[in-house]
């Protein structure tokens, strides 16, 4: 179930709640809470993170390259 950040209208307190869509609608219909709208949290693999390949994987690639013929495009 998704997590919603709900704001109590009386106290202004924000609380993260795990609710189904129907439960969220019920809570909002009662009129005591509003939902805080947030932007999507994007996770990207692009950036300054170095990616290292283990020696075991490189050995496996060498084995595949050796058996794949002379016109292969496998870079190790």
PDB file of N, CA and C in Angstrom:
ATOM      1  N   UNK A   1       0.838  -1.179   0.000  1.00  0.00           N
ATOM      2  CA  UNK A   1       0.000   0.000   0.000  1.00  0.00           C
ATOM      3  C   UNK A   1       0.886   1.247   0.000  1.00  0.00           C
ATOM      4  N   UNK A   2       0.402   2.293  -0.640  1.00  0.00           N
ATOM      5  CA  UNK A   2       1.190   3.522  -0.701  1.00  0.00           C
ATOM      6  C   UNK A   2       1.193   4.292   0.614  1.00  0.00           C
ATOM      7  N   UNK A   3       2.202   5.123   0.757  1.00  0.00           N
ATOM      8  CA  UNK A   3       2.323   5.991   1.921  1.00  0.00           C
ATOM      9  C   UNK A   3       1.936   7.405   1.506  1.00  0.00           C
ATOM     10  N   UNK A   4       1.058   8.016   2.282  1.00  0.00           N
ATOM     11  CA  UNK A   4       0.610   9.384   2.028  1.00  0.00           C
ATOM     12  C   UNK A   4       1.023  10.262   3.199  1.00  0.00           C
ATOM     13  N   UNK A   5       1.427  11.492   2.905  1.00  0.00           N
ATOM     14  CA  UNK A   5       1.682  12.463   3.963  1.00  0.00           C
ATOM     15  C   UNK A   5       0.406  13.259   4.147  1.00  0.00           C
ATOM     16  N   UNK A   6      -0.217  13.088   5.325  1.00  0.00           N
ATOM     17  CA  UNK A   6      -1.483  13.746   5.626  1.00  0.00           C
ATOM     18  C   UNK A   6      -1.236  14.862   6.636  1.00  0.00           C
ATOM     19  N   UNK A   7      -1.964  15.966   6.487  1.00  0.00           N
ATOM     20  CA  UNK A   7      -1.832  17.115   7.382  1.00  0.00           C
ATOM     21  C   UNK A   7      -3.140  17.276   8.149  1.00  0.00           C
ATOM     22  N   UNK A   8      -3.045  17.265   9.464  1.00  0.00           N
ATOM     23  CA  UNK A   8      -4.196  17.506  10.322  1.00  0.00           C
ATOM     24  C   UNK A   8      -4.535  18.988  10.231  1.00  0.00           C
ATOM     25  N   UNK A   9      -5.757  19.316   9.827  1.00  0.00           N
ATOM     26  CA  UNK A   9      -6.157  20.709   9.623  1.00  0.00           C
ATOM     27  C   UNK A   9      -6.187  21.510  10.931  1.00  0.00           C
ATOM     28  N   UNK A  10      -6.498  20.849  12.031  1.00  0.00           N
ATOM     29  CA  UNK A  10      -6.606  21.555  13.304  1.00  0.00           C
ATOM     30  C   UNK A  10      -5.243  21.880  13.908  1.00  0.00           C
ATOM     31  N   UNK A  11      -4.326  20.911  13.857  1.00  0.00           N
ATOM     32  CA  UNK A  11      -3.037  21.092  14.526  1.00  0.00           C
ATOM     33  C   UNK A  11      -1.910  21.460  13.566  1.00  0.00           C
ATOM     34  N   UNK A  12      -2.104  21.196  12.269  1.00  0.00           N
ATOM     35  CA  UNK A  12      -1.042  21.437  11.294  1.00  0.00           C
ATOM     36  C   UNK A  12       0.020  20.348  11.293  1.00  0.00           C
ATOM     37  N   UNK A  13      -0.200  19.306  12.084  1.00  0.00           N
ATOM     38  CA  UNK A  13       0.771  18.214  12.193  1.00  0.00           C
ATOM     39  C   UNK A  13       0.760  17.368  10.917  1.00  0.00           C
ATOM     40  N   UNK A  14       1.961  17.048  10.424  1.00  0.00           N
ATOM     41  CA  UNK A  14       2.108  16.171   9.262  1.00  0.00           C
ATOM     42  C   UNK A  14       2.404  14.769   9.743  1.00  0.00           C
ATOM     43  N   UNK A  15       1.758  13.789   9.099  1.00  0.00           N
ATOM     44  CA  UNK A  15       1.964  12.404   9.502  1.00  0.00           C
ATOM     45  C   UNK A  15       1.957  11.531   8.253  1.00  0.00           C
ATOM     46  N   UNK A  16       2.945  10.651   8.141  1.00  0.00           N
ATOM     47  CA  UNK A  16       2.984   9.688   7.044  1.00  0.00           C
ATOM     48  C   UNK A  16       2.077   8.518   7.411  1.00  0.00           C
ATOM     49  N   UNK A  17       1.161   8.175   6.513  1.00  0.00           N
ATOM     50  CA  UNK A  17       0.204   7.107   6.763  1.00  0.00           C
ATOM     51  C   UNK A  17       0.223   6.122   5.610  1.00  0.00           C
ATOM     52  N   UNK A  18       0.217   4.832   5.934  1.00  0.00           N
ATOM     53  CA  UNK A  18       0.120   3.778   4.932  1.00  0.00           C
ATOM     54  C   UNK A  18      -1.363   3.447   4.799  1.00  0.00           C
ATOM     55  N   UNK A  19      -1.945   3.828   3.663  1.00  0.00           N
ATOM     56  CA  UNK A  19      -3.381   3.694   3.454  1.00  0.00           C
ATOM     57  C   UNK A  19      -3.675   3.144   2.065  1.00  0.00           C
ATOM     58  N   UNK A  20      -4.769   2.413   1.955  1.00  0.00           N
ATOM     59  CA  UNK A  20      -5.249   2.054   0.622  1.00  0.00           C
ATOM     60  C   UNK A  20      -5.867   3.309   0.018  1.00  0.00           C
ATOM     61  N   UNK A  21      -6.150   3.269  -1.259  1.00  0.00           N
ATOM     62  CA  UNK A  21      -6.743   4.430  -1.917  1.00  0.00           C
ATOM     63  C   UNK A  21      -8.115   4.733  -1.310  1.00  0.00           C
ATOM     64  N   UNK A  22      -8.889   3.689  -1.021  1.00  0.00           N
ATOM     65  CA  UNK A  22     -10.219   3.866  -0.430  1.00  0.00           C
ATOM     66  C   UNK A  22     -10.124   4.465   0.975  1.00  0.00           C
ATOM     67  N   UNK A  23      -9.155   3.989   1.767  1.00  0.00           N
ATOM     68  CA  UNK A  23      -8.961   4.530   3.115  1.00  0.00           C
ATOM     69  C   UNK A  23      -8.553   6.005   3.066  1.00  0.00           C
ATOM     70  N   UNK A  24      -7.718   6.341   2.100  1.00  0.00           N
ATOM     71  CA  UNK A  24      -7.296   7.735   1.933  1.00  0.00           C
ATOM     72  C   UNK A  24      -8.497   8.611   1.595  1.00  0.00           C
ATOM     73  N   UNK A  25      -9.344   8.125   0.679  1.00  0.00           N
ATOM     74  CA  UNK A  25     -10.543   8.877   0.305  1.00  0.00           C
ATOM     75  C   UNK A  25     -11.477   9.077   1.500  1.00  0.00           C
ATOM     76  N   UNK A  26     -11.640   8.029   2.324  1.00  0.00           N
ATOM     77  CA  UNK A  26     -12.482   8.132   3.522  1.00  0.00           C
ATOM     78  C   UNK A  26     -11.941   9.201   4.479  1.00  0.00           C
ATOM     79  N   UNK A  27     -10.633   9.174   4.701  1.00  0.00           N
ATOM     80  CA  UNK A  27     -10.002  10.128   5.612  1.00  0.00           C
ATOM     81  C   UNK A  27     -10.176  11.564   5.113  1.00  0.00           C
ATOM     82  N   UNK A  28      -9.996  11.753   3.817  1.00  0.00           N
ATOM     83  CA  UNK A  28     -10.150  13.090   3.246  1.00  0.00           C
ATOM     84  C   UNK A  28     -11.616  13.546   3.281  1.00  0.00           C
ATOM     85  N   UNK A  29     -12.555  12.606   3.111  1.00  0.00           N
ATOM     86  CA  UNK A  29     -13.981  12.941   3.103  1.00  0.00           C
ATOM     87  C   UNK A  29     -14.452  13.412   4.484  1.00  0.00           C
ATOM     88  N   UNK A  30     -13.816  12.924   5.551  1.00  0.00           N
ATOM     89  CA  UNK A  30     -14.185  13.349   6.904  1.00  0.00           C
ATOM     90  C   UNK A  30     -13.878  14.822   7.128  1.00  0.00           C
ATOM     91  N   UNK A  31     -12.933  15.375   6.376  1.00  0.00           N
ATOM     92  CA  UNK A  31     -12.641  16.797   6.439  1.00  0.00           C
ATOM     93  C   UNK A  31     -11.626  17.213   7.487  1.00  0.00           C
ATOM     94  N   UNK A  32     -11.055  16.279   8.236  1.00  0.00           N
ATOM     95  CA  UNK A  32     -10.082  16.625   9.274  1.00  0.00           C
ATOM     96  C   UNK A  32      -8.647  16.705   8.741  1.00  0.00           C
ATOM     97  N   UNK A  33      -8.415  16.110   7.573  1.00  0.00           N
ATOM     98  CA  UNK A  33      -7.062  16.037   7.031  1.00  0.00           C
ATOM     99  C   UNK A  33      -7.034  16.523   5.585  1.00  0.00           C
ATOM    100  N   UNK A  34      -5.872  16.983   5.169  1.00  0.00           N
ATOM    101  CA  UNK A  34      -5.590  17.249   3.762  1.00  0.00           C
ATOM    102  C   UNK A  34      -4.348  16.447   3.409  1.00  0.00           C
ATOM    103  N   UNK A  35      -4.177  16.212   2.128  1.00  0.00           N
ATOM    104  CA  UNK A  35      -3.011  15.448   1.685  1.00  0.00           C
ATOM    105  C   UNK A  35      -1.945  16.404   1.198  1.00  0.00           C
ATOM    106  N   UNK A  36      -0.722  16.195   1.667  1.00  0.00           N
ATOM    107  CA  UNK A  36       0.414  16.982   1.199  1.00  0.00           C
ATOM    108  C   UNK A  36       0.850  16.393  -0.134  1.00  0.00           C
ATOM    109  N   UNK A  37       0.879  17.202  -1.153  1.00  0.00           N
ATOM    110  CA  UNK A  37       1.285  16.733  -2.469  1.00  0.00           C
ATOM    111  C   UNK A  37       2.784  16.913  -2.610  1.00  0.00           C
ATOM    112  N   UNK A  38       3.458  15.862  -3.019  1.00  0.00           N
ATOM    113  CA  UNK A  38       4.908  15.910  -3.192  1.00  0.00           C
ATOM    114  C   UNK A  38       5.259  15.528  -4.614  1.00  0.00           C
ATOM    115  N   UNK A  39       6.447  15.867  -5.024  1.00  0.00           N
ATOM    116  CA  UNK A  39       6.919  15.490  -6.342  1.00  0.00           C
ATOM    117  C   UNK A  39       7.458  14.066  -6.295  1.00  0.00           C
ATOM    118  N   UNK A  40       7.532  13.458  -7.435  1.00  0.00           N
ATOM    119  CA  UNK A  40       8.039  12.095  -7.524  1.00  0.00           C
ATOM    120  C   UNK A  40       9.514  12.064  -7.158  1.00  0.00           C
ATOM    121  N   UNK A  41       9.896  11.015  -6.483  1.00  0.00           N
ATOM    122  CA  UNK A  41      11.297  10.826  -6.125  1.00  0.00           C
ATOM    123  C   UNK A  41      11.932   9.955  -7.205  1.00  0.00           C
ATOM    124  N   UNK A  42      12.799  10.570  -7.999  1.00  0.00           N
ATOM    125  CA  UNK A  42      13.395   9.883  -9.138  1.00  0.00           C
ATOM    126  C   UNK A  42      14.768   9.353  -8.750  1.00  0.00           C
ATOM    127  N   UNK A  43      14.964   8.091  -9.051  1.00  0.00           N
ATOM    128  CA  UNK A  43      16.258   7.462  -8.818  1.00  0.00           C
ATOM    129  C   UNK A  43      16.870   7.203 -10.180  1.00  0.00           C
ATOM    130  N   UNK A  44      18.073   7.693 -10.375  1.00  0.00           N
ATOM    131  CA  UNK A  44      18.717   7.584 -11.673  1.00  0.00           C
ATOM    132  C   UNK A  44      20.081   6.934 -11.528  1.00  0.00           C
ATOM    133  N   UNK A  45      20.472   6.204 -12.528  1.00  0.00           N
ATOM    134  CA  UNK A  45      21.780   5.586 -12.539  1.00  0.00           C
ATOM    135  C   UNK A  45      22.840   6.485 -13.149  1.00  0.00           C
ATOM    136  N   UNK A  46      22.456   7.664 -13.592  1.00  0.00           N
ATOM    137  CA  UNK A  46      23.394   8.591 -14.218  1.00  0.00           C
ATOM    138  C   UNK A  46      23.981   9.484 -13.138  1.00  0.00           C
ATOM    139  N   UNK A  47      25.282   9.665 -13.179  1.00  0.00           N
ATOM    140  CA  UNK A  47      25.894  10.541 -12.189  1.00  0.00           C
ATOM    141  C   UNK A  47      27.339  10.177 -11.970  1.00  0.00           C
ATOM    142  N   UNK A  48      27.872  10.601 -10.864  1.00  0.00           N
ATOM    143  CA  UNK A  48      29.272  10.422 -10.580  1.00  0.00           C
ATOM    144  C   UNK A  48      29.610   9.138  -9.846  1.00  0.00           C
ATOM    145  N   UNK A  49      28.719   8.191  -9.826  1.00  0.00           N
ATOM    146  CA  UNK A  49      28.974   6.947  -9.122  1.00  0.00           C
ATOM    147  C   UNK A  49      29.831   6.032  -9.987  1.00  0.00           C
ATOM    148  N   UNK A  50      30.950   5.604  -9.467  1.00  0.00           N
ATOM    149  CA  UNK A  50      31.834   4.692 -10.200  1.00  0.00           C
ATOM    150  C   UNK A  50      31.266   3.282 -10.141  1.00  0.00           C
ATOM    151  N   UNK A  51      31.282   2.616 -11.260  1.00  0.00           N
ATOM    152  CA  UNK A  51      30.795   1.249 -11.307  1.00  0.00           C
ATOM    153  C   UNK A  51      31.979   0.347 -11.611  1.00  0.00           C
ATOM    154  N   UNK A  52      32.285  -0.528 -10.703  1.00  0.00           N
ATOM    155  CA  UNK A  52      33.406  -1.429 -10.862  1.00  0.00           C
ATOM    156  C   UNK A  52      32.900  -2.828 -11.175  1.00  0.00           C
ATOM    157  N   UNK A  53      33.615  -3.508 -12.053  1.00  0.00           N
ATOM    158  CA  UNK A  53      33.258  -4.863 -12.419  1.00  0.00           C
ATOM    159  C   UNK A  53      34.207  -5.817 -11.715  1.00  0.00           C
ATOM    160  N   UNK A  54      33.654  -6.877 -11.170  1.00  0.00           N
ATOM    161  CA  UNK A  54      34.479  -7.838 -10.454  1.00  0.00           C
ATOM    162  C   UNK A  54      35.340  -8.630 -11.423  1.00  0.00           C
ATOM    163  N   UNK A  55      36.445  -9.162 -10.921  1.00  0.00           N
ATOM    164  CA  UNK A  55      37.342  -9.970 -11.751  1.00  0.00           C
ATOM    165  C   UNK A  55      36.653 -11.239 -12.238  1.00  0.00           C
ATOM    166  N   UNK A  56      35.754 -11.788 -11.433  1.00  0.00           N
ATOM    167  CA  UNK A  56      35.021 -12.984 -11.836  1.00  0.00           C
ATOM    168  C   UNK A  56      34.172 -12.736 -13.071  1.00  0.00           C
ATOM    169  N   UNK A  57      33.535 -11.558 -13.128  1.00  0.00           N
ATOM    170  CA  UNK A  57      32.723 -11.216 -14.294  1.00  0.00           C
ATOM    171  C   UNK A  57      33.606 -11.016 -15.524  1.00  0.00           C
ATOM    172  N   UNK A  58      34.755 -10.363 -15.338  1.00  0.00           N
ATOM    173  CA  UNK A  58      35.674 -10.172 -16.464  1.00  0.00           C
ATOM    174  C   UNK A  58      36.192 -11.506 -16.988  1.00  0.00           C
ATOM    175  N   UNK A  59      36.472 -12.446 -16.079  1.00  0.00           N
ATOM    176  CA  UNK A  59      36.910 -13.781 -16.501  1.00  0.00           C
ATOM    177  C   UNK A  59      35.818 -14.467 -17.319  1.00  0.00           C
ATOM    178  N   UNK A  60      34.568 -14.329 -16.896  1.00  0.00           N
ATOM    179  CA  UNK A  60      33.445 -14.932 -17.623  1.00  0.00           C
ATOM    180  C   UNK A  60      33.318 -14.308 -19.010  1.00  0.00           C
ATOM    181  N   UNK A  61      33.494 -12.977 -19.119  1.00  0.00           N
ATOM    182  CA  UNK A  61      33.438 -12.315 -20.416  1.00  0.00           C
ATOM    183  C   UNK A  61      34.567 -12.776 -21.336  1.00  0.00           C
ATOM    184  N   UNK A  62      35.763 -12.964 -20.778  1.00  0.00           N
ATOM    185  CA  UNK A  62      36.883 -13.465 -21.585  1.00  0.00           C
ATOM    186  C   UNK A  62      36.576 -14.857 -22.124  1.00  0.00           C
ATOM    187  N   UNK A  63      35.955 -15.684 -21.292  1.00  0.00           N
ATOM    188  CA  UNK A  63      35.593 -17.046 -21.697  1.00  0.00           C
ATOM    189  C   UNK A  63      34.547 -17.002 -22.820  1.00  0.00           C
ATOM    190  N   UNK A  64      33.576 -16.131 -22.699  1.00  0.00           N
ATOM    191  CA  UNK A  64      32.543 -15.994 -23.727  1.00  0.00           C
ATOM    192  C   UNK A  64      33.153 -15.460 -25.012  1.00  0.00           C
ATOM    193  N   UNK A  65      34.022 -14.452 -24.889  1.00  0.00           N
ATOM    194  CA  UNK A  65      34.659 -13.860 -26.066  1.00  0.00           C
ATOM    195  C   UNK A  65      35.503 -14.887 -26.809  1.00  0.00           C
ATOM    196  N   UNK A  66      36.230 -15.710 -26.057  1.00  0.00           N
ATOM    197  CA  UNK A  66      37.096 -16.723 -26.664  1.00  0.00           C
ATOM    198  C   UNK A  66      36.281 -17.722 -27.484  1.00  0.00           C
ATOM    199  N   UNK A  67      35.106 -18.074 -27.010  1.00  0.00           N
ATOM    200  CA  UNK A  67      34.293 -19.056 -27.704  1.00  0.00           C
ATOM    201  C   UNK A  67      33.320 -18.493 -28.722  1.00  0.00           C
ATOM    202  N   UNK A  68      33.293 -17.170 -28.900  1.00  0.00           N
ATOM    203  CA  UNK A  68      32.271 -16.579 -29.763  1.00  0.00           C
ATOM    204  C   UNK A  68      32.692 -16.333 -31.203  1.00  0.00           C
ATOM    205  N   UNK A  69      33.932 -16.586 -31.567  1.00  0.00           N
ATOM    206  CA  UNK A  69      34.364 -16.390 -32.948  1.00  0.00           C
ATOM    207  C   UNK A  69      35.179 -15.130 -33.110  1.00  0.00           C
ATOM    208  N   UNK A  70      35.729 -14.949 -34.317  1.00  0.00           N
ATOM    209  CA  UNK A  70      36.669 -13.856 -34.529  1.00  0.00           C
ATOM    210  C   UNK A  70      35.991 -12.489 -34.712  1.00  0.00           C
ATOM    211  N   UNK A  71      34.734 -12.426 -35.118  1.00  0.00           N
ATOM    212  CA  UNK A  71      34.088 -11.136 -35.388  1.00  0.00           C
ATOM    213  C   UNK A  71      33.198 -10.679 -34.226  1.00  0.00           C
ATOM    214  N   UNK A  72      33.517 -11.078 -33.011  1.00  0.00           N
ATOM    215  CA  UNK A  72      32.682 -10.691 -31.869  1.00  0.00           C
ATOM    216  C   UNK A  72      32.944  -9.231 -31.504  1.00  0.00           C
ATOM    217  N   UNK A  73      32.014  -8.638 -30.785  1.00  0.00           N
ATOM    218  CA  UNK A  73      32.136  -7.242 -30.362  1.00  0.00           C
ATOM    219  C   UNK A  73      32.142  -7.121 -28.844  1.00  0.00           C
ATOM    220  N   UNK A  74      32.561  -8.147 -28.158  1.00  0.00           N
ATOM    221  CA  UNK A  74      32.580  -8.146 -26.704  1.00  0.00           C
ATOM    222  C   UNK A  74      33.794  -7.366 -26.228  1.00  0.00           C
ATOM    223  N   UNK A  75      33.571  -6.311 -25.428  1.00  0.00           N
ATOM    224  CA  UNK A  75      34.672  -5.522 -24.868  1.00  0.00           C
ATOM    225  C   UNK A  75      34.864  -5.928 -23.410  1.00  0.00           C
ATOM    226  N   UNK A  76      36.098  -6.150 -23.062  1.00  0.00           N
ATOM    227  CA  UNK A  76      36.397  -6.560 -21.677  1.00  0.00           C
ATOM    228  C   UNK A  76      37.062  -5.426 -20.943  1.00  0.00           C
TER     229      UNK A  76
END
